[in-house]
């Protein structure tokens, strides 16, 4: 089973985009919880 570097890059950028969306959507209440789970 081989994972290409391209798919890894796509996954990473998707995760980064998700994090930005989370920050915008839940900035008021859930940001602190989200940050603490992601460290």
C-alpha atoms as a PDB file:
ATOM      1  CA  UNK A   1       0.000   0.000   0.000  1.00  0.00           C
ATOM      2  CA  UNK A   2       1.529   3.294  -1.106  1.00  0.00           C
ATOM      3  CA  UNK A   3       0.468   6.786  -0.098  1.00  0.00           C
ATOM      4  CA  UNK A   4       1.503   9.450  -2.556  1.00  0.00           C
ATOM      5  CA  UNK A   5       2.903  12.742  -1.324  1.00  0.00           C
ATOM      6  CA  UNK A   6       0.146  14.457  -3.279  1.00  0.00           C
ATOM      7  CA  UNK A   7      -2.608  12.787  -1.279  1.00  0.00           C
ATOM      8  CA  UNK A   8      -0.768  13.648   1.931  1.00  0.00           C
ATOM      9  CA  UNK A   9      -0.589  17.294   0.853  1.00  0.00           C
ATOM     10  CA  UNK A  10      -4.282  17.262  -0.040  1.00  0.00           C
ATOM     11  CA  UNK A  11      -5.171  15.807   3.350  1.00  0.00           C
ATOM     12  CA  UNK A  12      -3.075  18.394   5.168  1.00  0.00           C
ATOM     13  CA  UNK A  13      -4.583  21.309   3.263  1.00  0.00           C
ATOM     14  CA  UNK A  14      -8.072  19.925   3.906  1.00  0.00           C
ATOM     15  CA  UNK A  15      -7.325  19.733   7.628  1.00  0.00           C
ATOM     16  CA  UNK A  16      -6.023  23.312   7.599  1.00  0.00           C
ATOM     17  CA  UNK A  17      -9.148  24.485   5.774  1.00  0.00           C
ATOM     18  CA  UNK A  18     -11.355  22.646   8.284  1.00  0.00           C
ATOM     19  CA  UNK A  19      -9.535  24.362  11.130  1.00  0.00           C
ATOM     20  CA  UNK A  20     -10.134  27.786   9.574  1.00  0.00           C
ATOM     21  CA  UNK A  21     -13.819  27.008   9.084  1.00  0.00           C
ATOM     22  CA  UNK A  22     -14.089  25.809  12.686  1.00  0.00           C
ATOM     23  CA  UNK A  23     -12.455  28.999  13.916  1.00  0.00           C
ATOM     24  CA  UNK A  24     -14.866  31.198  11.969  1.00  0.00           C
ATOM     25  CA  UNK A  25     -17.994  29.244  12.879  1.00  0.00           C
ATOM     26  CA  UNK A  26     -17.406  28.591  16.563  1.00  0.00           C
ATOM     27  CA  UNK A  27     -15.134  31.461  17.493  1.00  0.00           C
ATOM     28  CA  UNK A  28     -17.292  32.685  20.370  1.00  0.00           C
ATOM     29  CA  UNK A  29     -17.837  29.500  22.367  1.00  0.00           C
ATOM     30  CA  UNK A  30     -15.822  26.522  21.189  1.00  0.00           C
ATOM     31  CA  UNK A  31     -12.462  27.964  20.116  1.00  0.00           C
ATOM     32  CA  UNK A  32     -10.763  27.261  23.448  1.00  0.00           C
ATOM     33  CA  UNK A  33     -12.007  23.674  23.548  1.00  0.00           C
ATOM     34  CA  UNK A  34     -11.014  23.092  19.924  1.00  0.00           C
ATOM     35  CA  UNK A  35      -7.536  24.479  20.491  1.00  0.00           C
ATOM     36  CA  UNK A  36      -6.942  22.379  23.605  1.00  0.00           C
ATOM     37  CA  UNK A  37      -7.937  19.146  21.861  1.00  0.00           C
ATOM     38  CA  UNK A  38      -5.678  19.933  18.909  1.00  0.00           C
ATOM     39  CA  UNK A  39      -2.468  20.554  20.843  1.00  0.00           C
END
